[in-house]
PDB file of N, CA and C in Angstrom:
ATOM      1  N   VAL A   1     -38.100  66.543  17.282  1.00  0.00           N
ATOM      2  CA  VAL A   1     -38.434  67.921  17.627  1.00  0.00           C
ATOM      3  C   VAL A   1     -38.163  68.808  16.413  1.00  0.00           C
ATOM      4  N   GLN A   2     -39.133  69.634  16.057  1.00  0.00           N
ATOM      5  CA  GLN A   2     -38.994  70.564  14.933  1.00  0.00           C
ATOM      6  C   GLN A   2     -38.924  71.984  15.489  1.00  0.00           C
ATOM      7  N   ARG A   3     -37.968  72.746  14.992  1.00  0.00           N
ATOM      8  CA  ARG A   3     -37.830  74.140  15.418  1.00  0.00           C
ATOM      9  C   ARG A   3     -38.181  75.040  14.244  1.00  0.00           C
ATOM     10  N   ILE A   4     -39.112  75.946  14.460  1.00  0.00           N
ATOM     11  CA  ILE A   4     -39.484  76.911  13.423  1.00  0.00           C
ATOM     12  C   ILE A   4     -38.745  78.203  13.737  1.00  0.00           C
ATOM     13  N   THR A   5     -37.950  78.668  12.764  1.00  0.00           N
ATOM     14  CA  THR A   5     -37.157  79.878  12.963  1.00  0.00           C
ATOM     15  C   THR A   5     -37.573  80.948  11.958  1.00  0.00           C
ATOM     16  N   ALA A   6     -37.240  82.180  12.270  1.00  0.00           N
ATOM     17  CA  ALA A   6     -37.551  83.296  11.376  1.00  0.00           C
ATOM     18  C   ALA A   6     -36.697  83.175  10.115  1.00  0.00           C
ATOM     19  N   PRO A   7     -37.322  83.170   8.924  1.00  0.00           N
ATOM     20  CA  PRO A   7     -36.554  83.047   7.684  1.00  0.00           C
ATOM     21  C   PRO A   7     -35.798  84.329   7.333  1.00  0.00           C
ATOM     22  N   MET A   8     -36.208  85.454   7.916  1.00  0.00           N
ATOM     23  CA  MET A   8     -35.595  86.752   7.642  1.00  0.00           C
ATOM     24  C   MET A   8     -35.931  87.684   8.798  1.00  0.00           C
ATOM     25  N   PRO A   9     -35.211  88.803   8.922  1.00  0.00           N
ATOM     26  CA  PRO A   9     -35.556  89.753   9.979  1.00  0.00           C
ATOM     27  C   PRO A   9     -36.973  90.292   9.765  1.00  0.00           C
ATOM     28  N   GLY A  10     -37.693  90.523  10.845  1.00  0.00           N
ATOM     29  CA  GLY A  10     -39.047  91.050  10.720  1.00  0.00           C
ATOM     30  C   GLY A  10     -39.684  91.248  12.075  1.00  0.00           C
ATOM     31  N   ARG A  11     -41.035  91.279  12.066  1.00  0.00           N
ATOM     32  CA  ARG A  11     -41.793  91.511  13.293  1.00  0.00           C
ATOM     33  C   ARG A  11     -42.889  90.462  13.380  1.00  0.00           C
ATOM     34  N   VAL A  12     -43.053  89.893  14.578  1.00  0.00           N
ATOM     35  CA  VAL A  12     -44.109  88.901  14.793  1.00  0.00           C
ATOM     36  C   VAL A  12     -45.448  89.632  14.801  1.00  0.00           C
ATOM     37  N   VAL A  13     -46.327  89.296  13.860  1.00  0.00           N
ATOM     38  CA  VAL A  13     -47.618  89.962  13.743  1.00  0.00           C
ATOM     39  C   VAL A  13     -48.690  89.197  14.528  1.00  0.00           C
ATOM     40  N   ARG A  14     -48.728  87.869  14.327  1.00  0.00           N
ATOM     41  CA  ARG A  14     -49.727  87.054  15.014  1.00  0.00           C
ATOM     42  C   ARG A  14     -49.136  85.707  15.391  1.00  0.00           C
ATOM     43  N   ILE A  15     -49.512  85.228  16.568  1.00  0.00           N
ATOM     44  CA  ILE A  15     -49.160  83.876  16.993  1.00  0.00           C
ATOM     45  C   ILE A  15     -50.460  83.081  16.959  1.00  0.00           C
ATOM     46  N   LEU A  16     -50.479  82.021  16.158  1.00  0.00           N
ATOM     47  CA  LEU A  16     -51.720  81.288  15.896  1.00  0.00           C
ATOM     48  C   LEU A  16     -51.897  80.062  16.778  1.00  0.00           C
ATOM     49  N   VAL A  17     -50.890  79.739  17.587  1.00  0.00           N
ATOM     50  CA  VAL A  17     -50.953  78.552  18.450  1.00  0.00           C
ATOM     51  C   VAL A  17     -50.422  78.904  19.831  1.00  0.00           C
ATOM     52  N   LYS A  18     -50.665  78.009  20.792  1.00  0.00           N
ATOM     53  CA  LYS A  18     -50.095  78.163  22.127  1.00  0.00           C
ATOM     54  C   LYS A  18     -49.551  76.810  22.577  1.00  0.00           C
ATOM     55  N   PRO A  19     -48.674  76.798  23.572  1.00  0.00           N
ATOM     56  CA  PRO A  19     -48.123  75.521  24.028  1.00  0.00           C
ATOM     57  C   PRO A  19     -49.232  74.528  24.391  1.00  0.00           C
ATOM     58  N   GLY A  20     -49.051  73.292  23.957  1.00  0.00           N
ATOM     59  CA  GLY A  20     -50.046  72.247  24.208  1.00  0.00           C
ATOM     60  C   GLY A  20     -50.980  72.011  23.037  1.00  0.00           C
ATOM     61  N   ASP A  21     -51.053  72.960  22.100  1.00  0.00           N
ATOM     62  CA  ASP A  21     -51.930  72.795  20.930  1.00  0.00           C
ATOM     63  C   ASP A  21     -51.408  71.685  20.026  1.00  0.00           C
ATOM     64  N   GLU A  22     -52.333  70.906  19.471  1.00  0.00           N
ATOM     65  CA  GLU A  22     -51.986  69.934  18.433  1.00  0.00           C
ATOM     66  C   GLU A  22     -52.018  70.675  17.098  1.00  0.00           C
ATOM     67  N   VAL A  23     -51.026  70.431  16.246  1.00  0.00           N
ATOM     68  CA  VAL A  23     -51.001  71.066  14.931  1.00  0.00           C
ATOM     69  C   VAL A  23     -50.864  70.002  13.847  1.00  0.00           C
ATOM     70  N   ALA A  24     -51.448  70.301  12.701  1.00  0.00           N
ATOM     71  CA  ALA A  24     -51.362  69.417  11.539  1.00  0.00           C
ATOM     72  C   ALA A  24     -50.183  69.854  10.672  1.00  0.00           C
ATOM     73  N   HIS A  25     -49.704  68.952   9.828  1.00  0.00           N
ATOM     74  CA  HIS A  25     -48.630  69.264   8.888  1.00  0.00           C
ATOM     75  C   HIS A  25     -49.040  70.478   8.049  1.00  0.00           C
ATOM     76  N   ARG A  26     -48.173  71.467   7.962  1.00  0.00           N
ATOM     77  CA  ARG A  26     -48.354  72.704   7.188  1.00  0.00           C
ATOM     78  C   ARG A  26     -49.373  73.676   7.781  1.00  0.00           C
ATOM     79  N   GLN A  27     -49.948  73.377   8.927  1.00  0.00           N
ATOM     80  CA  GLN A  27     -50.869  74.321   9.575  1.00  0.00           C
ATOM     81  C   GLN A  27     -50.090  75.573   9.965  1.00  0.00           C
ATOM     82  N   GLY A  28     -50.690  76.737   9.753  1.00  0.00           N
ATOM     83  CA  GLY A  28     -50.034  77.987  10.120  1.00  0.00           C
ATOM     84  C   GLY A  28     -49.863  78.083  11.623  1.00  0.00           C
ATOM     85  N   VAL A  29     -48.666  78.475  12.071  1.00  0.00           N
ATOM     86  CA  VAL A  29     -48.423  78.606  13.501  1.00  0.00           C
ATOM     87  C   VAL A  29     -48.047  80.028  13.917  1.00  0.00           C
ATOM     88  N   ILE A  30     -47.449  80.793  12.986  1.00  0.00           N
ATOM     89  CA  ILE A  30     -47.019  82.144  13.335  1.00  0.00           C
ATOM     90  C   ILE A  30     -46.954  82.989  12.065  1.00  0.00           C
ATOM     91  N   VAL A  31     -47.214  84.289  12.202  1.00  0.00           N
ATOM     92  CA  VAL A  31     -47.147  85.196  11.055  1.00  0.00           C
ATOM     93  C   VAL A  31     -46.078  86.247  11.348  1.00  0.00           C
ATOM     94  N   VAL A  32     -45.097  86.339  10.435  1.00  0.00           N
ATOM     95  CA  VAL A  32     -44.004  87.305  10.575  1.00  0.00           C
ATOM     96  C   VAL A  32     -44.085  88.286   9.412  1.00  0.00           C
ATOM     97  N   GLU A  33     -44.032  89.582   9.728  1.00  0.00           N
ATOM     98  CA  GLU A  33     -44.040  90.611   8.680  1.00  0.00           C
ATOM     99  C   GLU A  33     -42.592  91.015   8.382  1.00  0.00           C
ATOM    100  N   ALA A  34     -42.257  90.961   7.106  1.00  0.00           N
ATOM    101  CA  ALA A  34     -40.919  91.377   6.677  1.00  0.00           C
ATOM    102  C   ALA A  34     -41.057  92.100   5.344  1.00  0.00           C
ATOM    103  N   MET A  35     -40.408  93.225   5.225  1.00  0.00           N
ATOM    104  CA  MET A  35     -40.467  94.026   3.991  1.00  0.00           C
ATOM    105  C   MET A  35     -41.910  94.259   3.543  1.00  0.00           C
ATOM    106  N   LYS A  36     -42.771  94.637   4.443  1.00  0.00           N
ATOM    107  CA  LYS A  36     -44.179  94.976   4.180  1.00  0.00           C
ATOM    108  C   LYS A  36     -45.033  93.776   3.724  1.00  0.00           C
ATOM    109  N   MET A  37     -44.499  92.568   3.845  1.00  0.00           N
ATOM    110  CA  MET A  37     -45.273  91.371   3.483  1.00  0.00           C
ATOM    111  C   MET A  37     -45.429  90.484   4.704  1.00  0.00           C
ATOM    112  N   GLU A  38     -46.633  89.908   4.863  1.00  0.00           N
ATOM    113  CA  GLU A  38     -46.863  88.981   5.962  1.00  0.00           C
ATOM    114  C   GLU A  38     -46.593  87.560   5.476  1.00  0.00           C
ATOM    115  N   ASN A  39     -45.760  86.854   6.211  1.00  0.00           N
ATOM    116  CA  ASN A  39     -45.405  85.475   5.874  1.00  0.00           C
ATOM    117  C   ASN A  39     -45.929  84.549   6.954  1.00  0.00           C
ATOM    118  N   GLU A  40     -46.863  83.664   6.589  1.00  0.00           N
ATOM    119  CA  GLU A  40     -47.372  82.695   7.553  1.00  0.00           C
ATOM    120  C   GLU A  40     -46.473  81.475   7.509  1.00  0.00           C
ATOM    121  N   LEU A  41     -45.887  81.150   8.649  1.00  0.00           N
ATOM    122  CA  LEU A  41     -44.999  79.994   8.729  1.00  0.00           C
ATOM    123  C   LEU A  41     -45.797  78.803   9.233  1.00  0.00           C
ATOM    124  N   GLY A  42     -45.652  77.675   8.550  1.00  0.00           N
ATOM    125  CA  GLY A  42     -46.428  76.485   8.881  1.00  0.00           C
ATOM    126  C   GLY A  42     -45.617  75.437   9.603  1.00  0.00           C
ATOM    127  N   ALA A  43     -46.321  74.503  10.213  1.00  0.00           N
ATOM    128  CA  ALA A  43     -45.678  73.391  10.911  1.00  0.00           C
ATOM    129  C   ALA A  43     -45.026  72.455   9.894  1.00  0.00           C
ATOM    130  N   PRO A  44     -43.752  72.104  10.110  1.00  0.00           N
ATOM    131  CA  PRO A  44     -43.076  71.202   9.177  1.00  0.00           C
ATOM    132  C   PRO A  44     -43.592  69.767   9.263  1.00  0.00           C
ATOM    133  N   LYS A  45     -44.283  69.440  10.357  1.00  0.00           N
ATOM    134  CA  LYS A  45     -44.898  68.118  10.513  1.00  0.00           C
ATOM    135  C   LYS A  45     -45.984  68.237  11.568  1.00  0.00           C
ATOM    136  N   ALA A  46     -46.840  67.227  11.643  1.00  0.00           N
ATOM    137  CA  ALA A  46     -47.871  67.216  12.672  1.00  0.00           C
ATOM    138  C   ALA A  46     -47.210  66.987  14.031  1.00  0.00           C
ATOM    139  N   GLY A  47     -47.804  67.529  15.074  1.00  0.00           N
ATOM    140  CA  GLY A  47     -47.253  67.337  16.412  1.00  0.00           C
ATOM    141  C   GLY A  47     -47.936  68.224  17.420  1.00  0.00           C
ATOM    142  N   ARG A  48     -47.277  68.405  18.559  1.00  0.00           N
ATOM    143  CA  ARG A  48     -47.805  69.239  19.635  1.00  0.00           C
ATOM    144  C   ARG A  48     -46.844  70.396  19.869  1.00  0.00           C
ATOM    145  N   VAL A  49     -47.400  71.596  20.035  1.00  0.00           N
ATOM    146  CA  VAL A  49     -46.565  72.777  20.296  1.00  0.00           C
ATOM    147  C   VAL A  49     -45.969  72.648  21.696  1.00  0.00           C
ATOM    148  N   LYS A  50     -44.636  72.656  21.756  1.00  0.00           N
ATOM    149  CA  LYS A  50     -43.944  72.553  23.036  1.00  0.00           C
ATOM    150  C   LYS A  50     -43.665  73.930  23.619  1.00  0.00           C
ATOM    151  N   GLU A  51     -43.310  74.871  22.740  1.00  0.00           N
ATOM    152  CA  GLU A  51     -42.872  76.185  23.214  1.00  0.00           C
ATOM    153  C   GLU A  51     -43.113  77.248  22.157  1.00  0.00           C
ATOM    154  N   VAL A  52     -43.547  78.437  22.596  1.00  0.00           N
ATOM    155  CA  VAL A  52     -43.609  79.620  21.740  1.00  0.00           C
ATOM    156  C   VAL A  52     -42.669  80.624  22.398  1.00  0.00           C
ATOM    157  N   SER A  53     -41.579  80.968  21.707  1.00  0.00           N
ATOM    158  CA  SER A  53     -40.531  81.746  22.374  1.00  0.00           C
ATOM    159  C   SER A  53     -40.508  83.230  21.998  1.00  0.00           C
ATOM    160  N   VAL A  54     -41.588  83.710  21.382  1.00  0.00           N
ATOM    161  CA  VAL A  54     -41.685  85.133  21.039  1.00  0.00           C
ATOM    162  C   VAL A  54     -43.075  85.645  21.414  1.00  0.00           C
ATOM    163  N   THR A  55     -43.253  86.964  21.368  1.00  0.00           N
ATOM    164  CA  THR A  55     -44.557  87.568  21.637  1.00  0.00           C
ATOM    165  C   THR A  55     -44.979  88.397  20.429  1.00  0.00           C
ATOM    166  N   GLU A  56     -46.277  88.647  20.304  1.00  0.00           N
ATOM    167  CA  GLU A  56     -46.777  89.465  19.195  1.00  0.00           C
ATOM    168  C   GLU A  56     -46.190  90.866  19.308  1.00  0.00           C
ATOM    169  N   GLY A  57     -45.792  91.418  18.163  1.00  0.00           N
ATOM    170  CA  GLY A  57     -45.203  92.750  18.132  1.00  0.00           C
ATOM    171  C   GLY A  57     -43.696  92.754  18.291  1.00  0.00           C
ATOM    172  N   GLN A  58     -43.124  91.618  18.658  1.00  0.00           N
ATOM    173  CA  GLN A  58     -41.680  91.531  18.883  1.00  0.00           C
ATOM    174  C   GLN A  58     -40.921  91.527  17.556  1.00  0.00           C
ATOM    175  N   SER A  59     -39.819  92.264  17.507  1.00  0.00           N
ATOM    176  CA  SER A  59     -38.935  92.215  16.338  1.00  0.00           C
ATOM    177  C   SER A  59     -38.020  91.014  16.487  1.00  0.00           C
ATOM    178  N   VAL A  60     -37.781  90.322  15.362  1.00  0.00           N
ATOM    179  CA  VAL A  60     -36.914  89.143  15.394  1.00  0.00           C
ATOM    180  C   VAL A  60     -35.868  89.250  14.286  1.00  0.00           C
ATOM    181  N   GLU A  61     -34.703  88.665  14.554  1.00  0.00           N
ATOM    182  CA  GLU A  61     -33.668  88.612  13.530  1.00  0.00           C
ATOM    183  C   GLU A  61     -33.778  87.271  12.802  1.00  0.00           C
ATOM    184  N   ALA A  62     -33.163  87.187  11.629  1.00  0.00           N
ATOM    185  CA  ALA A  62     -33.176  85.941  10.868  1.00  0.00           C
ATOM    186  C   ALA A  62     -32.570  84.825  11.702  1.00  0.00           C
ATOM    187  N   GLY A  63     -33.208  83.663  11.690  1.00  0.00           N
ATOM    188  CA  GLY A  63     -32.704  82.520  12.422  1.00  0.00           C
ATOM    189  C   GLY A  63     -33.186  82.430  13.863  1.00  0.00           C
ATOM    190  N   ARG A  64     -33.924  83.430  14.333  1.00  0.00           N
ATOM    191  CA  ARG A  64     -34.431  83.443  15.710  1.00  0.00           C
ATOM    192  C   ARG A  64     -35.445  82.324  15.891  1.00  0.00           C
ATOM    193  N   LEU A  65     -35.313  81.563  16.973  1.00  0.00           N
ATOM    194  CA  LEU A  65     -36.256  80.491  17.273  1.00  0.00           C
ATOM    195  C   LEU A  65     -37.617  81.092  17.612  1.00  0.00           C
ATOM    196  N   LEU A  66     -38.663  80.616  16.952  1.00  0.00           N
ATOM    197  CA  LEU A  66     -40.012  81.127  17.172  1.00  0.00           C
ATOM    198  C   LEU A  66     -40.882  80.126  17.908  1.00  0.00           C
ATOM    199  N   VAL A  67     -40.954  78.905  17.366  1.00  0.00           N
ATOM    200  CA  VAL A  67     -41.857  77.882  17.908  1.00  0.00           C
ATOM    201  C   VAL A  67     -41.145  76.524  17.865  1.00  0.00           C
ATOM    202  N   VAL A  68     -41.381  75.709  18.907  1.00  0.00           N
ATOM    203  CA  VAL A  68     -40.859  74.337  18.934  1.00  0.00           C
ATOM    204  C   VAL A  68     -42.048  73.385  18.915  1.00  0.00           C
ATOM    205  N   ILE A  69     -42.013  72.410  18.004  1.00  0.00           N
ATOM    206  CA  ILE A  69     -43.067  71.402  17.880  1.00  0.00           C
ATOM    207  C   ILE A  69     -42.434  70.039  18.109  1.00  0.00           C
ATOM    208  N   GLU A  70     -43.113  69.194  18.904  1.00  0.00           N
ATOM    209  CA  GLU A  70     -42.590  67.843  19.110  1.00  0.00           C
ATOM    210  C   GLU A  70     -43.627  66.811  18.785  1.00  0.00           C
TER     211      GLU A  70
END
């Protein structure tokens, strides 16, 4: 199981996947805006999205769990 967490405090701009989606290694899964820059976070490995634990527009702190891939 791979957990994608927020690398820094910011705001979720876009969620690119939903639970049940198959993702490829490094495929973008979520976009977080921090310090006026959008950071697209990719899947650390290929797998299936198990959980998306945030919503678009939500503010997140560093280390907050965003997406779980199994």
